[in-house]
Amino acid sequence: MGRKSAAAALMLAVAIASGCGSPQQAASGDTGSDAPVKVGLVYSQSGALASYGKQYSEGFKAGLEYATKGTNKIGKRPVELKEVDDAGDPAKAVSAAKDLIGQGYKILAGSTASGVALQVAPLAAQNKVLFISGPAATDALTGVNRYTFRSGRQSYQDVLAAKSYIAGPSGKKVLVFAQDSAFGKSNADAVKAVIGSAGATVENLLVPANATEFTGFAVQAKNAKADLVFVAWAGTTASAMWQALDQQGVLGSTTVVTGIDQRASWPIFGAAGGKISLLAHYFDGASDNDATKALRQAVPGGALDLFHPDGFSGAQMIVRAVEQGGDDVDKMVAGLEGYSFDSVKGKLTVRGADHAVLQPMFQAKLSGTGTAAKAELVKALAPDEVAPPSATMKG
């Protein structure tokens, strides 16, 4: 799996009908009428990332109820949701976003993948609409333009969470064990940029993406004698890969770190799961606060997952934007910049300079195997420990 979660992402498209009113009315989100606040959610209801989309949608609706104290109204204005399926296709997401803009929607967001978010973001700047992206993890989204925000983490925060497992990186050796693909190479580049810049020597062991036998590669990983092995893996061969690393003694001889994906993926670790150090954006049990309790009550079955928090915080940000700006998008932007609030993961802060969301990240471990696998919190990392470097706002 590796940092599959860093490659998988969602976006939220929100639009608020235009209107007029006094500055005092706009500042409170009340434009002098009870006209609905129209919010469009454009995400993957179908396709490969539909499970992420479901989590995001559930989290969003729970966050909206929480932020509006159960009324689903911002001031006197009821919130109306319009959900659109983009099936993870950037072209479909762009078409949906343009359609919403054409209907007068003033807040946009995107879908389940980083590639989709990067296609929708320019529309926000071109049309001066607010774009709040969901779990799209690409670092390129931070600072892309002043109308674009994110409600989740970015890849840099994932790698900084991995870095927390190696005390004093200077002089240490880090091995990136990854697939020889764009996904694997992007992870390798991120590890070099984050951990290598802190003084560690970073080497890559890139495995052909079509490989099905991993014993030889596992032996190479063992012989590298690294202080930390960072694994970036996606796809159906993950179980065989983890088994090979375990059988060749890699997991028992050094610290092996990878990202934890949604709970449905946990069985892929097999018997190796308890030997792996996990970095986590979120998992059920990572937090316990009022927002978490509200989310758990709202989600069917009460089982929280990877991207529920991103939907929840996205809704909180929208309520804040409308409260501060009414239907004035520039005032919405100003109202979100520097905004700190309590959410499912803990305290979140929207950095004004580039709209990165400073937030906790987590260390975790797995116990049990198969469907009985359970994630347990090892350590919560404070927002400043995993804060990405500030980006220059591009537009």
Protein backbone atom coordinates (compact mmCIF):
# COMPACT_ATOMS: atom_id res chain seq x y z
CA MET A 1 0.00 0.00 0.00
CA GLY A 2 2.75 2.48 1.01
CA ARG A 3 1.47 5.99 1.08
CA LYS A 4 -1.46 5.12 -1.11
CA SER A 5 -3.52 7.45 0.97
CA ALA A 6 -1.19 10.26 -0.07
CA ALA A 7 -2.05 9.57 -3.71
CA ALA A 8 -5.70 9.11 -3.16
CA ALA A 9 -7.80 12.12 -2.51
CA LEU A 10 -11.23 13.84 -2.69
CA MET A 11 -12.44 17.39 -3.36
CA LEU A 12 -15.51 19.38 -2.35
CA ALA A 13 -17.30 21.81 -4.69
CA VAL A 14 -19.30 24.38 -2.90
CA ALA A 15 -21.30 27.21 -4.37
CA ILE A 16 -23.15 29.93 -2.67
CA ALA A 17 -25.82 31.86 -4.53
CA SER A 18 -24.96 35.50 -5.19
CA GLY A 19 -26.73 38.24 -3.34
CA CYS A 20 -26.37 41.69 -1.90
CA GLY A 21 -26.55 43.29 1.48
CA SER A 22 -24.86 45.60 3.89
CA PRO A 23 -21.32 44.88 5.15
CA GLN A 24 -22.77 44.04 8.56
CA GLN A 25 -25.15 41.53 7.00
CA ALA A 26 -22.41 39.99 4.86
CA ALA A 27 -20.09 39.63 7.82
CA SER A 28 -22.66 37.52 9.64
CA GLY A 29 -23.56 35.43 6.60
CA ASP A 30 -27.05 36.99 6.59
CA THR A 31 -27.71 38.87 3.37
CA GLY A 32 -31.06 40.07 4.57
CA SER A 33 -33.03 37.07 3.43
CA ASP A 34 -33.47 33.42 4.12
CA ALA A 35 -32.20 32.46 0.66
CA PRO A 36 -30.56 29.02 0.75
CA VAL A 37 -26.82 28.56 0.80
CA LYS A 38 -26.31 26.18 -2.10
CA VAL A 39 -23.43 23.78 -1.64
CA GLY A 40 -22.30 21.36 -4.35
CA LEU A 41 -20.29 18.27 -3.47
CA VAL A 42 -18.40 16.89 -6.47
CA TYR A 43 -16.73 13.61 -5.55
CA SER A 44 -16.43 9.93 -6.46
CA GLN A 45 -19.72 8.22 -5.82
CA SER A 46 -18.56 5.51 -8.24
CA GLY A 47 -15.23 4.26 -9.56
CA ALA A 48 -12.05 3.08 -7.86
CA LEU A 49 -12.16 5.74 -5.15
CA ALA A 50 -15.85 5.50 -4.29
CA SER A 51 -15.12 4.28 -0.75
CA TYR A 52 -13.11 7.44 -0.08
CA GLY A 53 -15.93 9.52 -1.53
CA LYS A 54 -18.46 7.87 0.75
CA GLN A 55 -16.35 8.65 3.82
CA TYR A 56 -15.93 12.25 2.72
CA SER A 57 -19.64 12.77 2.10
CA GLU A 58 -20.59 11.22 5.44
CA GLY A 59 -18.02 13.34 7.21
CA PHE A 60 -19.18 16.50 5.45
CA LYS A 61 -22.81 16.03 6.46
CA ALA A 62 -21.79 15.30 10.05
CA GLY A 63 -19.55 18.39 10.10
CA LEU A 64 -22.31 20.58 8.71
CA GLU A 65 -24.71 19.43 11.42
CA TYR A 66 -22.03 20.00 14.06
CA ALA A 67 -21.01 23.46 12.84
CA THR A 68 -24.62 24.64 12.58
CA LYS A 69 -25.59 23.15 15.96
CA GLY A 70 -28.02 20.74 14.37
CA THR A 71 -29.96 23.33 12.36
CA ASN A 72 -28.21 22.95 8.98
CA LYS A 73 -28.65 26.71 8.71
CA ILE A 74 -26.04 29.45 8.53
CA GLY A 75 -27.75 32.37 10.17
CA LYS A 76 -31.29 32.25 8.79
CA ARG A 77 -30.20 30.53 5.59
CA PRO A 78 -30.78 26.80 5.12
CA VAL A 79 -27.94 24.87 3.48
CA GLU A 80 -28.88 22.90 0.36
CA LEU A 81 -26.46 20.20 -0.82
CA LYS A 82 -26.12 19.12 -4.42
CA GLU A 83 -24.04 15.97 -4.85
CA VAL A 84 -22.42 15.20 -8.20
CA ASP A 85 -20.49 12.05 -9.15
CA ASP A 86 -17.28 12.63 -11.08
CA ALA A 87 -16.18 8.96 -10.88
CA GLY A 88 -12.61 10.15 -10.22
CA ASP A 89 -12.36 11.55 -13.77
CA PRO A 90 -10.80 15.06 -13.98
CA ALA A 91 -12.76 15.85 -17.15
CA LYS A 92 -16.05 15.00 -15.45
CA ALA A 93 -15.08 17.03 -12.38
CA VAL A 94 -14.17 20.06 -14.48
CA SER A 95 -17.42 19.76 -16.42
CA ALA A 96 -19.41 19.59 -13.18
CA ALA A 97 -17.52 22.54 -11.72
CA LYS A 98 -18.17 24.65 -14.82
CA ASP A 99 -21.83 23.71 -14.71
CA LEU A 100 -22.07 24.81 -11.08
CA ILE A 101 -20.31 28.08 -11.86
CA GLY A 102 -22.72 28.64 -14.72
CA GLN A 103 -25.60 28.19 -12.29
CA GLY A 104 -24.19 30.92 -10.06
CA TYR A 105 -22.41 28.80 -7.49
CA LYS A 106 -19.62 30.78 -5.84
CA ILE A 107 -17.74 28.07 -3.92
CA LEU A 108 -16.16 25.10 -5.67
CA ALA A 109 -14.18 22.09 -4.65
CA GLY A 110 -13.24 18.84 -6.25
CA SER A 111 -13.12 15.12 -6.00
CA THR A 112 -11.28 12.14 -4.68
CA ALA A 113 -7.90 12.45 -6.43
CA SER A 114 -5.08 14.98 -6.46
CA GLY A 115 -5.13 15.06 -10.25
CA VAL A 116 -8.76 16.16 -10.15
CA ALA A 117 -8.07 18.89 -7.60
CA LEU A 118 -5.28 20.33 -9.73
CA GLN A 119 -7.63 20.55 -12.71
CA VAL A 120 -10.41 22.28 -10.78
CA ALA A 121 -8.22 24.73 -8.84
CA PRO A 122 -7.50 27.02 -11.83
CA LEU A 123 -11.24 27.43 -12.35
CA ALA A 124 -11.48 28.93 -8.88
CA ALA A 125 -9.02 31.69 -9.71
CA GLN A 126 -10.43 32.29 -13.19
CA ASN A 127 -14.00 32.65 -11.91
CA LYS A 128 -13.26 34.01 -8.41
CA VAL A 129 -15.09 31.22 -6.64
CA LEU A 130 -14.08 29.53 -3.40
CA PHE A 131 -12.57 26.07 -3.80
CA ILE A 132 -12.21 23.86 -0.72
CA SER A 133 -10.46 20.64 -1.66
CA GLY A 134 -10.97 17.55 0.42
CA PRO A 135 -8.30 14.91 0.99
CA ALA A 136 -6.36 15.69 -2.20
CA ALA A 137 -2.84 15.30 -0.82
CA THR A 138 -0.70 16.79 -3.57
CA ASP A 139 1.65 19.47 -2.27
CA ALA A 140 1.08 21.39 -5.52
CA LEU A 141 -2.35 22.43 -4.27
CA THR A 142 -0.88 24.50 -1.43
CA GLY A 143 -0.48 28.09 -2.59
CA VAL A 144 -1.81 27.35 -6.08
CA ASN A 145 -4.10 30.41 -5.85
CA ARG A 146 -5.79 32.51 -3.18
CA TYR A 147 -9.23 31.06 -3.89
CA THR A 148 -8.13 27.46 -3.25
CA PHE A 149 -8.03 25.86 0.20
CA ARG A 150 -7.73 22.29 1.45
CA SER A 151 -9.51 20.66 4.37
CA GLY A 152 -7.10 17.74 4.79
CA ARG A 153 -3.39 17.07 4.96
CA GLN A 154 -0.77 17.14 2.22
CA SER A 155 1.96 14.69 1.24
CA TYR A 156 4.72 16.66 2.94
CA GLN A 157 2.96 16.12 6.26
CA ASP A 158 2.91 12.37 5.62
CA VAL A 159 6.67 12.28 5.13
CA LEU A 160 7.31 14.48 8.15
CA ALA A 161 5.28 11.96 10.15
CA ALA A 162 7.58 9.24 8.84
CA LYS A 163 10.60 11.35 9.80
CA SER A 164 9.37 11.35 13.41
CA TYR A 165 10.38 7.68 13.64
CA ILE A 166 14.07 8.46 13.18
CA ALA A 167 15.63 10.52 15.95
CA GLY A 168 18.40 12.77 14.71
CA PRO A 169 18.40 11.95 10.96
CA SER A 170 21.89 13.39 10.49
CA GLY A 171 24.30 10.60 9.66
CA LYS A 172 21.53 7.98 9.42
CA LYS A 173 20.75 5.84 6.38
CA VAL A 174 17.25 5.67 4.94
CA LEU A 175 16.14 3.21 2.28
CA VAL A 176 13.06 3.91 0.17
CA PHE A 177 11.55 0.57 -0.88
CA ALA A 178 9.06 1.41 -3.59
CA GLN A 179 7.60 0.46 -6.93
CA ASP A 180 9.37 1.75 -10.02
CA SER A 181 6.47 3.96 -11.04
CA ALA A 182 5.44 7.59 -10.89
CA PHE A 183 3.85 6.86 -7.52
CA GLY A 184 6.98 5.21 -6.12
CA LYS A 185 9.36 7.83 -7.50
CA SER A 186 7.28 10.70 -6.13
CA ASN A 187 7.51 9.12 -2.67
CA ALA A 188 11.25 8.64 -3.07
CA ASP A 189 11.65 12.30 -4.05
CA ALA A 190 9.61 13.41 -1.03
CA VAL A 191 11.69 11.32 1.38
CA LYS A 192 14.90 12.74 -0.07
CA ALA A 193 13.57 16.28 0.21
CA VAL A 194 12.30 15.93 3.77
CA ILE A 195 14.58 13.44 5.52
CA GLY A 196 17.59 13.80 3.25
CA SER A 197 17.65 17.55 3.81
CA ALA A 198 17.85 16.85 7.54
CA GLY A 199 21.19 15.10 7.03
CA ALA A 200 20.24 11.49 6.31
CA THR A 201 21.64 9.52 3.39
CA VAL A 202 18.69 8.38 1.26
CA GLU A 203 18.94 5.44 -1.13
CA ASN A 204 16.20 4.01 -3.34
CA LEU A 205 15.37 0.39 -4.05
CA LEU A 206 12.83 0.58 -6.84
CA VAL A 207 11.02 -2.65 -7.69
CA PRO A 208 9.52 -3.20 -11.17
CA ALA A 209 5.84 -2.40 -11.00
CA ASN A 210 4.93 -5.75 -12.62
CA ALA A 211 7.03 -7.85 -10.21
CA THR A 212 5.26 -10.70 -8.41
CA GLU A 213 8.23 -12.34 -6.65
CA PHE A 214 9.91 -10.22 -3.99
CA THR A 215 12.40 -12.45 -2.17
CA GLY A 216 15.43 -11.06 -3.98
CA PHE A 217 14.38 -7.48 -3.39
CA ALA A 218 13.74 -8.23 0.27
CA VAL A 219 17.28 -9.65 0.58
CA GLN A 220 18.65 -6.43 -0.95
CA ALA A 221 16.65 -4.41 1.58
CA LYS A 222 18.07 -6.48 4.45
CA ASN A 223 21.63 -6.12 3.17
CA ALA A 224 21.26 -2.33 2.89
CA LYS A 225 21.44 -2.16 6.71
CA ALA A 226 19.38 1.03 6.78
CA ASP A 227 18.35 2.77 9.98
CA LEU A 228 14.87 3.24 8.50
CA VAL A 229 13.10 1.64 5.54
CA PHE A 230 10.28 3.71 4.06
CA VAL A 231 7.87 1.57 2.03
CA ALA A 232 5.68 3.12 -0.66
CA TRP A 233 3.46 0.50 -2.26
CA ALA A 234 0.10 0.34 -3.98
CA GLY A 235 -1.85 -2.48 -5.59
CA THR A 236 -2.66 -6.14 -5.26
CA THR A 237 0.92 -7.35 -4.75
CA ALA A 238 1.21 -5.66 -1.36
CA SER A 239 0.49 -8.80 0.67
CA ALA A 240 3.23 -10.79 -1.10
CA MET A 241 5.67 -7.91 -0.72
CA TRP A 242 5.08 -7.61 3.04
CA GLN A 243 5.38 -11.35 3.47
CA ALA A 244 8.76 -11.33 1.69
CA LEU A 245 10.10 -8.48 3.84
CA ASP A 246 8.98 -10.34 6.95
CA GLN A 247 10.42 -13.71 5.87
CA GLN A 248 13.81 -12.18 5.02
CA GLY A 249 14.05 -10.51 8.42
CA VAL A 250 13.74 -6.89 7.28
CA LEU A 251 10.90 -6.11 9.66
CA GLY A 252 12.80 -7.49 12.61
CA SER A 253 16.14 -5.84 11.89
CA THR A 254 15.24 -2.16 11.40
CA THR A 255 12.41 0.35 11.63
CA VAL A 256 10.06 -0.06 8.68
CA VAL A 257 7.59 2.77 8.10
CA THR A 258 4.62 3.06 5.77
CA GLY A 259 1.31 4.88 5.64
CA ILE A 260 -1.94 3.41 6.90
CA ASP A 261 -4.82 3.49 4.45
CA GLN A 262 -8.54 2.97 5.06
CA ARG A 263 -9.46 0.06 7.34
CA ALA A 264 -10.53 -2.20 4.45
CA SER A 265 -6.85 -2.38 3.43
CA TRP A 266 -5.45 -3.43 6.80
CA PRO A 267 -5.63 -7.21 6.16
CA ILE A 268 -3.00 -6.84 3.39
CA PHE A 269 -0.29 -6.59 6.03
CA GLY A 270 -1.02 -10.13 7.19
CA ALA A 271 1.13 -11.40 10.05
CA ALA A 272 3.63 -8.59 9.36
CA GLY A 273 1.25 -5.86 10.52
CA GLY A 274 2.37 -5.73 14.13
CA LYS A 275 6.01 -5.27 13.11
CA ILE A 276 5.47 -2.17 10.98
CA SER A 277 5.63 1.45 12.18
CA LEU A 278 2.70 3.33 10.69
CA LEU A 279 2.26 6.98 9.88
CA ALA A 280 -1.35 8.03 9.83
CA HIS A 281 -3.43 10.91 8.58
CA TYR A 282 -6.30 9.45 10.59
CA PHE A 283 -7.77 6.17 11.86
CA ASP A 284 -10.59 5.27 14.19
CA GLY A 285 -9.24 5.82 17.70
CA ALA A 286 -6.66 8.47 16.83
CA SER A 287 -8.67 11.19 18.56
CA ASP A 288 -11.33 11.62 21.22
CA ASN A 289 -13.02 15.02 21.45
CA ASP A 290 -16.44 16.62 20.95
CA ALA A 291 -16.09 16.65 17.16
CA THR A 292 -15.05 13.00 17.13
CA LYS A 293 -18.05 12.07 19.26
CA ALA A 294 -20.41 13.99 16.95
CA LEU A 295 -18.90 12.30 13.89
CA ARG A 296 -19.19 8.84 15.44
CA GLN A 297 -22.87 9.43 16.23
CA ALA A 298 -23.54 10.54 12.65
CA VAL A 299 -21.64 7.87 10.71
CA PRO A 300 -23.65 4.69 10.04
CA GLY A 301 -22.42 2.02 12.44
CA GLY A 302 -20.21 4.53 14.25
CA ALA A 303 -17.01 3.24 12.56
CA LEU A 304 -14.71 6.11 11.55
CA ASP A 305 -12.27 5.88 8.66
CA LEU A 306 -9.47 7.67 6.85
CA PHE A 307 -11.30 10.54 5.14
CA HIS A 308 -14.26 11.19 7.42
CA PRO A 309 -12.34 14.04 9.15
CA ASP A 310 -11.64 15.83 5.84
CA GLY A 311 -15.33 16.07 5.03
CA PHE A 312 -16.10 17.18 8.58
CA SER A 313 -13.53 19.99 8.57
CA GLY A 314 -14.53 21.00 5.03
CA ALA A 315 -18.07 21.66 6.22
CA GLN A 316 -16.77 23.62 9.21
CA MET A 317 -14.71 25.79 6.87
CA ILE A 318 -17.70 26.47 4.63
CA VAL A 319 -19.84 27.55 7.57
CA ARG A 320 -17.02 29.85 8.67
CA ALA A 321 -16.64 31.29 5.16
CA VAL A 322 -20.33 32.12 4.84
CA GLU A 323 -20.52 33.52 8.36
CA GLN A 324 -17.64 35.86 7.58
CA GLY A 325 -18.35 36.69 3.96
CA GLY A 326 -22.01 36.13 3.17
CA ASP A 327 -21.95 35.89 -0.64
CA ASP A 328 -18.75 37.92 -1.07
CA VAL A 329 -16.07 35.41 -2.06
CA ASP A 330 -13.14 37.70 -1.26
CA LYS A 331 -14.52 38.14 2.26
CA MET A 332 -14.93 34.36 2.52
CA VAL A 333 -11.24 33.97 1.63
CA ALA A 334 -10.22 36.57 4.21
CA GLY A 335 -12.40 34.86 6.81
CA LEU A 336 -10.66 31.54 6.30
CA GLU A 337 -7.06 32.78 6.24
CA GLY A 338 -5.56 32.27 9.68
CA TYR A 339 -8.67 30.53 10.95
CA SER A 340 -8.07 28.07 13.83
CA PHE A 341 -10.76 25.66 14.93
CA ASP A 342 -11.31 22.41 16.78
CA SER A 343 -12.14 19.47 14.55
CA VAL A 344 -12.02 15.69 14.53
CA LYS A 345 -8.21 15.44 14.42
CA GLY A 346 -7.78 18.20 16.98
CA LYS A 347 -6.79 21.84 16.50
CA LEU A 348 -6.56 22.84 12.81
CA THR A 349 -5.20 26.16 11.50
CA VAL A 350 -5.51 27.49 7.96
CA ARG A 351 -2.17 29.13 7.26
CA GLY A 352 -2.86 32.50 5.72
CA ALA A 353 0.24 32.65 3.52
CA ASP A 354 -0.49 29.56 1.41
CA HIS A 355 -3.69 27.94 2.79
CA ALA A 356 -1.94 24.83 4.10
CA VAL A 357 -3.86 23.25 6.99
CA LEU A 358 -1.62 22.83 10.03
CA GLN A 359 -2.87 19.79 11.90
CA PRO A 360 -1.87 16.81 14.02
CA MET A 361 -0.58 13.63 12.42
CA PHE A 362 -0.29 10.26 14.13
CA GLN A 363 1.99 7.32 14.74
CA ALA A 364 0.12 4.02 14.89
CA LYS A 365 0.56 0.27 15.12
CA LEU A 366 -1.63 -2.67 14.15
CA SER A 367 -2.64 -5.55 16.34
CA GLY A 368 -4.47 -8.64 15.16
CA THR A 369 -4.66 -9.92 11.60
CA GLY A 370 -7.18 -10.13 8.79
CA THR A 371 -10.56 -8.58 9.50
CA ALA A 372 -9.67 -8.51 13.20
CA ALA A 373 -6.80 -6.08 12.60
CA LYS A 374 -7.05 -2.98 14.78
CA ALA A 375 -5.08 0.27 14.68
CA GLU A 376 -3.81 1.68 17.96
CA LEU A 377 -2.44 5.14 18.67
CA VAL A 378 1.26 5.30 19.50
CA LYS A 379 1.75 9.07 19.45
CA ALA A 380 -0.03 12.18 18.25
CA LEU A 381 2.32 14.58 16.47
CA ALA A 382 1.65 18.27 17.11
CA PRO A 383 0.84 20.49 14.11
CA ASP A 384 4.17 22.32 14.33
CA GLU A 385 6.07 19.03 14.25
CA VAL A 386 4.64 18.19 10.83
CA ALA A 387 4.14 21.67 9.35
CA PRO A 388 5.08 21.83 5.66
CA PRO A 389 7.33 24.65 4.49
CA SER A 390 5.43 27.74 3.44
CA ALA A 391 4.73 27.97 -0.27
CA THR A 392 4.57 31.15 -2.34
CA MET A 393 1.04 32.00 -3.38
CA LYS A 394 0.95 31.72 -7.16
CA GLY A 395 -2.25 33.53 -7.99
